[in-house]
């Protein structure tokens, strides 16, 4: 399976929303990546509030070098886009910060 791109989900609690917005904006400015909707509550497999960044493979390489320091105390869940949602969220993953349990029933 070919990885054709990546999603990076910035997780946040309500008191971290401003930090998440600032991080997403910084990623957009640095990489030119689209920033999705800010979800205040869990959505899909994601256990907390989140916002999605959509990254091409070349953008992800830069993101992966930048994110560990830029994230501050926020957790970022990143995964490949292969067309297989289960593999994308279990096998083709990178965590920046502590890993969290995903709700895989979203793919049932």
PDB file of N, CA and C in Angstrom:
ATOM      1  N   UNK A   1       0.830  -1.188   0.000  1.00  0.00           N
ATOM      2  CA  UNK A   1       0.000   0.000   0.000  1.00  0.00           C
ATOM      3  C   UNK A   1       0.872   1.248   0.000  1.00  0.00           C
ATOM      4  N   UNK A   2       0.564   2.167  -0.833  1.00  0.00           N
ATOM      5  CA  UNK A   2       1.329   3.409  -0.894  1.00  0.00           C
ATOM      6  C   UNK A   2       0.708   4.459   0.023  1.00  0.00           C
ATOM      7  N   UNK A   3       1.546   5.132   0.776  1.00  0.00           N
ATOM      8  CA  UNK A   3       1.106   6.256   1.595  1.00  0.00           C
ATOM      9  C   UNK A   3       1.108   7.482   0.682  1.00  0.00           C
ATOM     10  N   UNK A   4      -0.057   8.072   0.487  1.00  0.00           N
ATOM     11  CA  UNK A   4      -0.157   9.200  -0.444  1.00  0.00           C
ATOM     12  C   UNK A   4      -0.185  10.555   0.250  1.00  0.00           C
ATOM     13  N   UNK A   5      -0.254  10.546   1.575  1.00  0.00           N
ATOM     14  CA  UNK A   5      -0.290  11.776   2.351  1.00  0.00           C
ATOM     15  C   UNK A   5      -0.434  11.441   3.816  1.00  0.00           C
ATOM     16  N   UNK A   6      -0.639  12.464   4.627  1.00  0.00           N
ATOM     17  CA  UNK A   6      -0.742  12.287   6.073  1.00  0.00           C
ATOM     18  C   UNK A   6      -1.780  13.238   6.646  1.00  0.00           C
ATOM     19  N   UNK A   7      -2.390  12.814   7.735  1.00  0.00           N
ATOM     20  CA  UNK A   7      -3.162  13.703   8.590  1.00  0.00           C
ATOM     21  C   UNK A   7      -2.408  13.828   9.899  1.00  0.00           C
ATOM     22  N   UNK A   8      -2.374  15.016  10.429  1.00  0.00           N
ATOM     23  CA  UNK A   8      -1.834  15.256  11.767  1.00  0.00           C
ATOM     24  C   UNK A   8      -2.950  15.894  12.575  1.00  0.00           C
ATOM     25  N   UNK A   9      -3.355  15.229  13.644  1.00  0.00           N
ATOM     26  CA  UNK A   9      -4.446  15.696  14.494  1.00  0.00           C
ATOM     27  C   UNK A   9      -3.850  16.279  15.765  1.00  0.00           C
ATOM     28  N   UNK A  10      -4.068  17.550  15.980  1.00  0.00           N
ATOM     29  CA  UNK A  10      -3.632  18.210  17.206  1.00  0.00           C
ATOM     30  C   UNK A  10      -4.743  18.023  18.226  1.00  0.00           C
ATOM     31  N   UNK A  11      -4.433  17.352  19.327  1.00  0.00           N
ATOM     32  CA  UNK A  11      -5.414  17.118  20.385  1.00  0.00           C
ATOM     33  C   UNK A  11      -5.355  18.251  21.402  1.00  0.00           C
ATOM     34  N   UNK A  12      -6.527  18.586  21.946  1.00  0.00           N
ATOM     35  CA  UNK A  12      -6.573  19.649  22.949  1.00  0.00           C
ATOM     36  C   UNK A  12      -7.774  19.471  23.872  1.00  0.00           C
ATOM     37  N   UNK A  13      -7.619  19.958  25.075  1.00  0.00           N
ATOM     38  CA  UNK A  13      -8.706  20.102  26.032  1.00  0.00           C
ATOM     39  C   UNK A  13      -9.203  21.542  25.922  1.00  0.00           C
ATOM     40  N   UNK A  14     -10.383  21.853  26.492  1.00  0.00           N
ATOM     41  CA  UNK A  14     -10.919  23.212  26.340  1.00  0.00           C
ATOM     42  C   UNK A  14      -9.937  24.322  26.725  1.00  0.00           C
ATOM     43  N   UNK A  15      -9.166  24.107  27.774  1.00  0.00           N
ATOM     44  CA  UNK A  15      -8.227  25.150  28.206  1.00  0.00           C
ATOM     45  C   UNK A  15      -6.978  25.235  27.318  1.00  0.00           C
ATOM     46  N   UNK A  16      -6.854  24.352  26.341  1.00  0.00           N
ATOM     47  CA  UNK A  16      -5.717  24.349  25.420  1.00  0.00           C
ATOM     48  C   UNK A  16      -6.090  24.824  24.011  1.00  0.00           C
ATOM     49  N   UNK A  17      -7.331  25.268  23.842  1.00  0.00           N
ATOM     50  CA  UNK A  17      -7.807  25.646  22.507  1.00  0.00           C
ATOM     51  C   UNK A  17      -6.948  26.746  21.886  1.00  0.00           C
ATOM     52  N   UNK A  18      -6.606  27.768  22.651  1.00  0.00           N
ATOM     53  CA  UNK A  18      -5.792  28.855  22.095  1.00  0.00           C
ATOM     54  C   UNK A  18      -4.430  28.347  21.635  1.00  0.00           C
ATOM     55  N   UNK A  19      -3.818  27.467  22.424  1.00  0.00           N
ATOM     56  CA  UNK A  19      -2.520  26.892  22.052  1.00  0.00           C
ATOM     57  C   UNK A  19      -2.655  26.042  20.789  1.00  0.00           C
ATOM     58  N   UNK A  20      -3.748  25.277  20.679  1.00  0.00           N
ATOM     59  CA  UNK A  20      -3.976  24.449  19.488  1.00  0.00           C
ATOM     60  C   UNK A  20      -4.177  25.328  18.254  1.00  0.00           C
ATOM     61  N   UNK A  21      -4.925  26.406  18.407  1.00  0.00           N
ATOM     62  CA  UNK A  21      -5.127  27.333  17.282  1.00  0.00           C
ATOM     63  C   UNK A  21      -3.795  27.944  16.831  1.00  0.00           C
ATOM     64  N   UNK A  22      -2.983  28.340  17.801  1.00  0.00           N
ATOM     65  CA  UNK A  22      -1.686  28.943  17.477  1.00  0.00           C
ATOM     66  C   UNK A  22      -0.774  27.939  16.775  1.00  0.00           C
ATOM     67  N   UNK A  23      -0.767  26.691  17.247  1.00  0.00           N
ATOM     68  CA  UNK A  23       0.067  25.661  16.626  1.00  0.00           C
ATOM     69  C   UNK A  23      -0.408  25.357  15.208  1.00  0.00           C
ATOM     70  N   UNK A  24      -1.720  25.237  15.024  1.00  0.00           N
ATOM     71  CA  UNK A  24      -2.263  24.968  13.691  1.00  0.00           C
ATOM     72  C   UNK A  24      -1.933  26.115  12.737  1.00  0.00           C
ATOM     73  N   UNK A  25      -2.059  27.334  13.209  1.00  0.00           N
ATOM     74  CA  UNK A  25      -1.752  28.500  12.367  1.00  0.00           C
ATOM     75  C   UNK A  25      -0.265  28.538  12.012  1.00  0.00           C
ATOM     76  N   UNK A  26       0.585  28.195  12.979  1.00  0.00           N
ATOM     77  CA  UNK A  26       2.028  28.156  12.718  1.00  0.00           C
ATOM     78  C   UNK A  26       2.361  27.092  11.675  1.00  0.00           C
ATOM     79  N   UNK A  27       1.705  25.923  11.760  1.00  0.00           N
ATOM     80  CA  UNK A  27       1.922  24.867  10.765  1.00  0.00           C
ATOM     81  C   UNK A  27       1.464  25.328   9.386  1.00  0.00           C
ATOM     82  N   UNK A  28       0.319  25.982   9.338  1.00  0.00           N
ATOM     83  CA  UNK A  28      -0.191  26.499   8.063  1.00  0.00           C
ATOM     84  C   UNK A  28       0.784  27.515   7.467  1.00  0.00           C
ATOM     85  N   UNK A  29       1.287  28.421   8.303  1.00  0.00           N
ATOM     86  CA  UNK A  29       2.229  29.436   7.823  1.00  0.00           C
ATOM     87  C   UNK A  29       3.537  28.812   7.339  1.00  0.00           C
ATOM     88  N   UNK A  30       4.038  27.827   8.079  1.00  0.00           N
ATOM     89  CA  UNK A  30       5.309  27.186   7.742  1.00  0.00           C
ATOM     90  C   UNK A  30       5.206  26.294   6.511  1.00  0.00           C
ATOM     91  N   UNK A  31       4.128  25.507   6.447  1.00  0.00           N
ATOM     92  CA  UNK A  31       4.030  24.446   5.445  1.00  0.00           C
ATOM     93  C   UNK A  31       3.022  24.711   4.331  1.00  0.00           C
ATOM     94  N   UNK A  32       2.116  25.651   4.556  1.00  0.00           N
ATOM     95  CA  UNK A  32       1.066  25.884   3.576  1.00  0.00           C
ATOM     96  C   UNK A  32       0.020  24.792   3.557  1.00  0.00           C
ATOM     97  N   UNK A  33      -0.145  24.096   4.671  1.00  0.00           N
ATOM     98  CA  UNK A  33      -1.090  22.973   4.737  1.00  0.00           C
ATOM     99  C   UNK A  33      -2.484  23.454   5.144  1.00  0.00           C
ATOM    100  N   UNK A  34      -3.524  22.794   4.638  1.00  0.00           N
ATOM    101  CA  UNK A  34      -4.876  23.118   5.064  1.00  0.00           C
ATOM    102  C   UNK A  34      -5.095  22.756   6.534  1.00  0.00           C
ATOM    103  N   UNK A  35      -5.868  23.588   7.210  1.00  0.00           N
ATOM    104  CA  UNK A  35      -6.255  23.358   8.604  1.00  0.00           C
ATOM    105  C   UNK A  35      -7.756  23.114   8.616  1.00  0.00           C
ATOM    106  N   UNK A  36      -8.166  22.003   9.225  1.00  0.00           N
ATOM    107  CA  UNK A  36      -9.578  21.649   9.270  1.00  0.00           C
ATOM    108  C   UNK A  36     -10.332  22.347  10.381  1.00  0.00           C
ATOM    109  N   UNK A  37     -11.527  21.844  10.643  1.00  0.00           N
ATOM    110  CA  UNK A  37     -12.423  22.371  11.669  1.00  0.00           C
ATOM    111  C   UNK A  37     -11.898  22.020  13.058  1.00  0.00           C
ATOM    112  N   UNK A  38     -12.057  22.918  13.997  1.00  0.00           N
ATOM    113  CA  UNK A  38     -11.698  22.642  15.389  1.00  0.00           C
ATOM    114  C   UNK A  38     -12.889  21.966  16.057  1.00  0.00           C
ATOM    115  N   UNK A  39     -12.718  20.700  16.413  1.00  0.00           N
ATOM    116  CA  UNK A  39     -13.764  19.926  17.087  1.00  0.00           C
ATOM    117  C   UNK A  39     -13.525  20.011  18.587  1.00  0.00           C
ATOM    118  N   UNK A  40     -14.458  20.593  19.317  1.00  0.00           N
ATOM    119  CA  UNK A  40     -14.298  20.776  20.761  1.00  0.00           C
ATOM    120  C   UNK A  40     -14.481  19.474  21.534  1.00  0.00           C
ATOM    121  N   UNK A  41     -15.153  18.510  20.934  1.00  0.00           N
ATOM    122  CA  UNK A  41     -15.436  17.228  21.590  1.00  0.00           C
ATOM    123  C   UNK A  41     -14.858  16.100  20.736  1.00  0.00           C
ATOM    124  N   UNK A  42     -14.743  14.900  21.303  1.00  0.00           N
ATOM    125  CA  UNK A  42     -14.251  13.765  20.516  1.00  0.00           C
ATOM    126  C   UNK A  42     -15.082  13.561  19.248  1.00  0.00           C
ATOM    127  N   UNK A  43     -14.399  13.209  18.165  1.00  0.00           N
ATOM    128  CA  UNK A  43     -15.067  12.921  16.897  1.00  0.00           C
ATOM    129  C   UNK A  43     -14.318  11.761  16.247  1.00  0.00           C
ATOM    130  N   UNK A  44     -15.066  10.846  15.622  1.00  0.00           N
ATOM    131  CA  UNK A  44     -14.433   9.674  15.012  1.00  0.00           C
ATOM    132  C   UNK A  44     -13.647   8.908  16.057  1.00  0.00           C
ATOM    133  N   UNK A  45     -12.430   8.504  15.733  1.00  0.00           N
ATOM    134  CA  UNK A  45     -11.646   7.721  16.691  1.00  0.00           C
ATOM    135  C   UNK A  45     -10.907   8.574  17.723  1.00  0.00           C
ATOM    136  N   UNK A  46     -10.994   9.881  17.603  1.00  0.00           N
ATOM    137  CA  UNK A  46     -10.162  10.766  18.419  1.00  0.00           C
ATOM    138  C   UNK A  46     -10.767  10.984  19.804  1.00  0.00           C
ATOM    139  N   UNK A  47      -9.950  10.814  20.855  1.00  0.00           N
ATOM    140  CA  UNK A  47     -10.469  10.796  22.226  1.00  0.00           C
ATOM    141  C   UNK A  47     -10.738  12.163  22.841  1.00  0.00           C
ATOM    142  N   UNK A  48     -10.279  13.227  22.198  1.00  0.00           N
ATOM    143  CA  UNK A  48     -10.447  14.576  22.754  1.00  0.00           C
ATOM    144  C   UNK A  48     -10.742  15.550  21.623  1.00  0.00           C
ATOM    145  N   UNK A  49     -10.855  16.806  21.978  1.00  0.00           N
ATOM    146  CA  UNK A  49     -10.972  17.826  20.956  1.00  0.00           C
ATOM    147  C   UNK A  49      -9.780  17.740  20.020  1.00  0.00           C
ATOM    148  N   UNK A  50      -9.991  18.088  18.754  1.00  0.00           N
ATOM    149  CA  UNK A  50      -8.891  17.971  17.792  1.00  0.00           C
ATOM    150  C   UNK A  50      -9.116  18.871  16.590  1.00  0.00           C
ATOM    151  N   UNK A  51      -8.023  19.113  15.896  1.00  0.00           N
ATOM    152  CA  UNK A  51      -8.054  19.780  14.601  1.00  0.00           C
ATOM    153  C   UNK A  51      -7.112  19.008  13.686  1.00  0.00           C
ATOM    154  N   UNK A  52      -7.501  18.875  12.432  1.00  0.00           N
ATOM    155  CA  UNK A  52      -6.736  18.079  11.468  1.00  0.00           C
ATOM    156  C   UNK A  52      -5.940  18.970  10.525  1.00  0.00           C
ATOM    157  N   UNK A  53      -4.675  18.620  10.358  1.00  0.00           N
ATOM    158  CA  UNK A  53      -3.830  19.208   9.325  1.00  0.00           C
ATOM    159  C   UNK A  53      -3.679  18.164   8.227  1.00  0.00           C
ATOM    160  N   UNK A  54      -3.801  18.563   6.973  1.00  0.00           N
ATOM    161  CA  UNK A  54      -3.626  17.654   5.836  1.00  0.00           C
ATOM    162  C   UNK A  54      -2.279  17.947   5.191  1.00  0.00           C
ATOM    163  N   UNK A  55      -1.441  16.908   5.104  1.00  0.00           N
ATOM    164  CA  UNK A  55      -0.053  17.090   4.678  1.00  0.00           C
ATOM    165  C   UNK A  55       0.317  16.162   3.526  1.00  0.00           C
ATOM    166  N   UNK A  56       0.992  16.712   2.534  1.00  0.00           N
ATOM    167  CA  UNK A  56       1.608  15.889   1.497  1.00  0.00           C
ATOM    168  C   UNK A  56       2.854  15.230   2.096  1.00  0.00           C
ATOM    169  N   UNK A  57       3.365  14.164   1.490  1.00  0.00           N
ATOM    170  CA  UNK A  57       4.567  13.518   2.038  1.00  0.00           C
ATOM    171  C   UNK A  57       5.744  14.475   2.232  1.00  0.00           C
ATOM    172  N   UNK A  58       5.983  15.379   1.294  1.00  0.00           N
ATOM    173  CA  UNK A  58       7.091  16.324   1.451  1.00  0.00           C
ATOM    174  C   UNK A  58       6.841  17.298   2.602  1.00  0.00           C
ATOM    175  N   UNK A  59       5.588  17.675   2.815  1.00  0.00           N
ATOM    176  CA  UNK A  59       5.256  18.543   3.945  1.00  0.00           C
ATOM    177  C   UNK A  59       5.410  17.793   5.262  1.00  0.00           C
ATOM    178  N   UNK A  60       5.047  16.508   5.268  1.00  0.00           N
ATOM    179  CA  UNK A  60       5.136  15.741   6.505  1.00  0.00           C
ATOM    180  C   UNK A  60       6.577  15.619   6.976  1.00  0.00           C
ATOM    181  N   UNK A  61       7.508  15.483   6.067  1.00  0.00           N
ATOM    182  CA  UNK A  61       8.922  15.403   6.458  1.00  0.00           C
ATOM    183  C   UNK A  61       9.335  16.661   7.218  1.00  0.00           C
ATOM    184  N   UNK A  62       8.939  17.815   6.735  1.00  0.00           N
ATOM    185  CA  UNK A  62       9.242  19.073   7.436  1.00  0.00           C
ATOM    186  C   UNK A  62       8.471  19.163   8.746  1.00  0.00           C
ATOM    187  N   UNK A  63       7.202  18.742   8.721  1.00  0.00           N
ATOM    188  CA  UNK A  63       6.372  18.768   9.922  1.00  0.00           C
ATOM    189  C   UNK A  63       6.992  17.910  11.020  1.00  0.00           C
ATOM    190  N   UNK A  64       7.460  16.718  10.658  1.00  0.00           N
ATOM    191  CA  UNK A  64       8.017  15.782  11.646  1.00  0.00           C
ATOM    192  C   UNK A  64       9.279  16.327  12.292  1.00  0.00           C
ATOM    193  N   UNK A  65      10.031  17.137  11.588  1.00  0.00           N
ATOM    194  CA  UNK A  65      11.225  17.757  12.161  1.00  0.00           C
ATOM    195  C   UNK A  65      10.870  18.959  13.040  1.00  0.00           C
ATOM    196  N   UNK A  66       9.768  19.611  12.743  1.00  0.00           N
ATOM    197  CA  UNK A  66       9.340  20.830  13.426  1.00  0.00           C
ATOM    198  C   UNK A  66       8.468  20.556  14.651  1.00  0.00           C
ATOM    199  N   UNK A  67       7.559  19.596  14.552  1.00  0.00           N
ATOM    200  CA  UNK A  67       6.511  19.378  15.553  1.00  0.00           C
ATOM    201  C   UNK A  67       6.995  19.028  16.960  1.00  0.00           C
ATOM    202  N   UNK A  68       8.027  18.214  17.150  1.00  0.00           N
ATOM    203  CA  UNK A  68       8.391  17.827  18.516  1.00  0.00           C
ATOM    204  C   UNK A  68       8.632  19.014  19.452  1.00  0.00           C
ATOM    205  N   UNK A  69       9.254  20.057  18.967  1.00  0.00           N
ATOM    206  CA  UNK A  69       9.473  21.232  19.809  1.00  0.00           C
ATOM    207  C   UNK A  69       8.304  22.203  19.736  1.00  0.00           C
ATOM    208  N   UNK A  70       7.746  22.382  18.560  1.00  0.00           N
ATOM    209  CA  UNK A  70       6.689  23.371  18.365  1.00  0.00           C
ATOM    210  C   UNK A  70       5.413  23.029  19.126  1.00  0.00           C
ATOM    211  N   UNK A  71       5.171  21.741  19.383  1.00  0.00           N
ATOM    212  CA  UNK A  71       3.901  21.320  19.982  1.00  0.00           C
ATOM    213  C   UNK A  71       3.727  21.776  21.421  1.00  0.00           C
ATOM    214  N   UNK A  72       4.808  22.159  22.101  1.00  0.00           N
ATOM    215  CA  UNK A  72       4.688  22.521  23.513  1.00  0.00           C
ATOM    216  C   UNK A  72       4.189  21.333  24.303  1.00  0.00           C
ATOM    217  N   UNK A  73       3.090  21.505  25.027  1.00  0.00           N
ATOM    218  CA  UNK A  73       2.531  20.407  25.827  1.00  0.00           C
ATOM    219  C   UNK A  73       1.397  19.675  25.108  1.00  0.00           C
ATOM    220  N   UNK A  74       1.081  20.070  23.882  1.00  0.00           N
ATOM    221  CA  UNK A  74       0.000  19.428  23.133  1.00  0.00           C
ATOM    222  C   UNK A  74       0.461  18.083  22.572  1.00  0.00           C
ATOM    223  N   UNK A  75      -0.484  17.179  22.402  1.00  0.00           N
ATOM    224  CA  UNK A  75      -0.226  15.891  21.764  1.00  0.00           C
ATOM    225  C   UNK A  75      -0.703  15.953  20.321  1.00  0.00           C
ATOM    226  N   UNK A  76       0.099  15.387  19.432  1.00  0.00           N
ATOM    227  CA  UNK A  76      -0.266  15.311  18.019  1.00  0.00           C
ATOM    228  C   UNK A  76      -0.241  13.845  17.595  1.00  0.00           C
ATOM    229  N   UNK A  77      -1.344  13.397  17.007  1.00  0.00           N
ATOM    230  CA  UNK A  77      -1.441  12.060  16.428  1.00  0.00           C
ATOM    231  C   UNK A  77      -1.379  12.215  14.914  1.00  0.00           C
ATOM    232  N   UNK A  78      -0.388  11.611  14.294  1.00  0.00           N
ATOM    233  CA  UNK A  78      -0.245  11.683  12.841  1.00  0.00           C
ATOM    234  C   UNK A  78      -0.348  10.283  12.252  1.00  0.00           C
ATOM    235  N   UNK A  79      -0.959  10.192  11.074  1.00  0.00           N
ATOM    236  CA  UNK A  79      -1.083   8.885  10.423  1.00  0.00           C
ATOM    237  C   UNK A  79      -1.033   9.033   8.912  1.00  0.00           C
ATOM    238  N   UNK A  80      -0.578   7.971   8.284  1.00  0.00           N
ATOM    239  CA  UNK A  80      -0.536   7.917   6.838  1.00  0.00           C
ATOM    240  C   UNK A  80      -1.923   7.753   6.248  1.00  0.00           C
ATOM    241  N   UNK A  81      -2.022   8.043   4.969  1.00  0.00           N
ATOM    242  CA  UNK A  81      -3.267   7.880   4.213  1.00  0.00           C
ATOM    243  C   UNK A  81      -3.018   6.873   3.100  1.00  0.00           C
ATOM    244  N   UNK A  82      -3.393   5.635   3.377  1.00  0.00           N
ATOM    245  CA  UNK A  82      -3.170   4.552   2.419  1.00  0.00           C
ATOM    246  C   UNK A  82      -4.454   4.092   1.742  1.00  0.00           C
ATOM    247  N   UNK A  83      -5.597   4.517   2.294  1.00  0.00           N
ATOM    248  CA  UNK A  83      -6.879   4.020   1.814  1.00  0.00           C
ATOM    249  C   UNK A  83      -7.455   2.944   2.714  1.00  0.00           C
ATOM    250  N   UNK A  84      -6.695   2.496   3.704  1.00  0.00           N
ATOM    251  CA  UNK A  84      -7.130   1.493   4.675  1.00  0.00           C
ATOM    252  C   UNK A  84      -7.199   2.178   6.043  1.00  0.00           C
ATOM    253  N   UNK A  85      -8.414   2.584   6.449  1.00  0.00           N
ATOM    254  CA  UNK A  85      -8.574   3.354   7.690  1.00  0.00           C
ATOM    255  C   UNK A  85      -8.017   2.643   8.918  1.00  0.00           C
ATOM    256  N   UNK A  86      -8.218   1.338   9.002  1.00  0.00           N
ATOM    257  CA  UNK A  86      -7.723   0.595  10.168  1.00  0.00           C
ATOM    258  C   UNK A  86      -6.195   0.645  10.211  1.00  0.00           C
ATOM    259  N   UNK A  87      -5.551   0.297   9.118  1.00  0.00           N
ATOM    260  CA  UNK A  87      -4.085   0.338   9.075  1.00  0.00           C
ATOM    261  C   UNK A  87      -3.571   1.761   9.279  1.00  0.00           C
ATOM    262  N   UNK A  88      -4.260   2.719   8.691  1.00  0.00           N
ATOM    263  CA  UNK A  88      -3.817   4.111   8.822  1.00  0.00           C
ATOM    264  C   UNK A  88      -3.801   4.566  10.280  1.00  0.00           C
ATOM    265  N   UNK A  89      -4.750   4.070  11.076  1.00  0.00           N
ATOM    266  CA  UNK A  89      -4.876   4.513  12.468  1.00  0.00           C
ATOM    267  C   UNK A  89      -4.230   3.564  13.477  1.00  0.00           C
ATOM    268  N   UNK A  90      -3.658   2.467  13.004  1.00  0.00           N
ATOM    269  CA  UNK A  90      -3.007   1.520  13.924  1.00  0.00           C
ATOM    270  C   UNK A  90      -1.568   1.202  13.540  1.00  0.00           C
ATOM    271  N   UNK A  91      -1.292   1.162  12.262  1.00  0.00           N
ATOM    272  CA  UNK A  91       0.030   0.744  11.792  1.00  0.00           C
ATOM    273  C   UNK A  91       0.882   1.906  11.288  1.00  0.00           C
ATOM    274  N   UNK A  92       0.264   2.806  10.545  1.00  0.00           N
ATOM    275  CA  UNK A  92       1.006   3.901   9.909  1.00  0.00           C
ATOM    276  C   UNK A  92       0.898   5.169  10.749  1.00  0.00           C
ATOM    277  N   UNK A  93       1.318   5.091  12.014  1.00  0.00           N
ATOM    278  CA  UNK A  93       1.099   6.186  12.963  1.00  0.00           C
ATOM    279  C   UNK A  93       2.406   6.713  13.550  1.00  0.00           C
ATOM    280  N   UNK A  94       2.350   7.965  13.946  1.00  0.00           N
ATOM    281  CA  UNK A  94       3.425   8.619  14.686  1.00  0.00           C
ATOM    282  C   UNK A  94       2.763   9.485  15.750  1.00  0.00           C
ATOM    283  N   UNK A  95       3.244   9.372  16.974  1.00  0.00           N
ATOM    284  CA  UNK A  95       2.764  10.223  18.067  1.00  0.00           C
ATOM    285  C   UNK A  95       3.840  11.246  18.402  1.00  0.00           C
ATOM    286  N   UNK A  96       3.435  12.485  18.516  1.00  0.00           N
ATOM    287  CA  UNK A  96       4.290  13.546  19.039  1.00  0.00           C
ATOM    288  C   UNK A  96       3.701  13.888  20.400  1.00  0.00           C
ATOM    289  N   UNK A  97       4.366  13.445  21.460  1.00  0.00           N
ATOM    290  CA  UNK A  97       3.808  13.543  22.805  1.00  0.00           C
ATOM    291  C   UNK A  97       3.245  12.198  23.202  1.00  0.00           C
ATOM    292  N   UNK A  98       2.599  12.146  24.365  1.00  0.00           N
ATOM    293  CA  UNK A  98       2.073  10.868  24.861  1.00  0.00           C
ATOM    294  C   UNK A  98       1.003  10.295  23.928  1.00  0.00           C
ATOM    295  N   UNK A  99       1.058   8.989  23.704  1.00  0.00           N
ATOM    296  CA  UNK A  99       0.015   8.355  22.894  1.00  0.00           C
ATOM    297  C   UNK A  99      -1.266   8.260  23.708  1.00  0.00           C
ATOM    298  N   UNK A 100      -2.386   8.212  22.998  1.00  0.00           N
ATOM    299  CA  UNK A 100      -3.702   8.108  23.623  1.00  0.00           C
ATOM    300  C   UNK A 100      -4.461   6.979  22.946  1.00  0.00           C
ATOM    301  N   UNK A 101      -5.462   6.470  23.629  1.00  0.00           N
ATOM    302  CA  UNK A 101      -6.255   5.366  23.096  1.00  0.00           C
ATOM    303  C   UNK A 101      -7.292   5.900  22.117  1.00  0.00           C
ATOM    304  N   UNK A 102      -7.283   5.360  20.916  1.00  0.00           N
ATOM    305  CA  UNK A 102      -8.264   5.740  19.908  1.00  0.00           C
ATOM    306  C   UNK A 102      -9.498   4.857  20.029  1.00  0.00           C
ATOM    307  N   UNK A 103     -10.648   5.378  19.625  1.00  0.00           N
ATOM    308  CA  UNK A 103     -11.895   4.621  19.609  1.00  0.00           C
ATOM    309  C   UNK A 103     -12.053   3.994  18.225  1.00  0.00           C
ATOM    310  N   UNK A 104     -11.542   2.795  18.091  1.00  0.00           N
ATOM    311  CA  UNK A 104     -11.542   2.139  16.788  1.00  0.00           C
ATOM    312  C   UNK A 104     -12.927   1.660  16.361  1.00  0.00           C
ATOM    313  N   UNK A 105     -13.922   1.718  17.251  1.00  0.00           N
ATOM    314  CA  UNK A 105     -15.285   1.356  16.851  1.00  0.00           C
ATOM    315  C   UNK A 105     -15.824   2.345  15.811  1.00  0.00           C
ATOM    316  N   UNK A 106     -15.172   3.485  15.670  1.00  0.00           N
ATOM    317  CA  UNK A 106     -15.582   4.457  14.652  1.00  0.00           C
ATOM    318  C   UNK A 106     -15.463   3.866  13.247  1.00  0.00           C
ATOM    319  N   UNK A 107     -14.665   2.818  13.096  1.00  0.00           N
ATOM    320  CA  UNK A 107     -14.457   2.199  11.790  1.00  0.00           C
ATOM    321  C   UNK A 107     -15.223   0.886  11.635  1.00  0.00           C
ATOM    322  N   UNK A 108     -16.087   0.580  12.584  1.00  0.00           N
ATOM    323  CA  UNK A 108     -16.849  -0.680  12.531  1.00  0.00           C
ATOM    324  C   UNK A 108     -17.995  -0.583  11.540  1.00  0.00           C
TER     325      UNK A 108
END
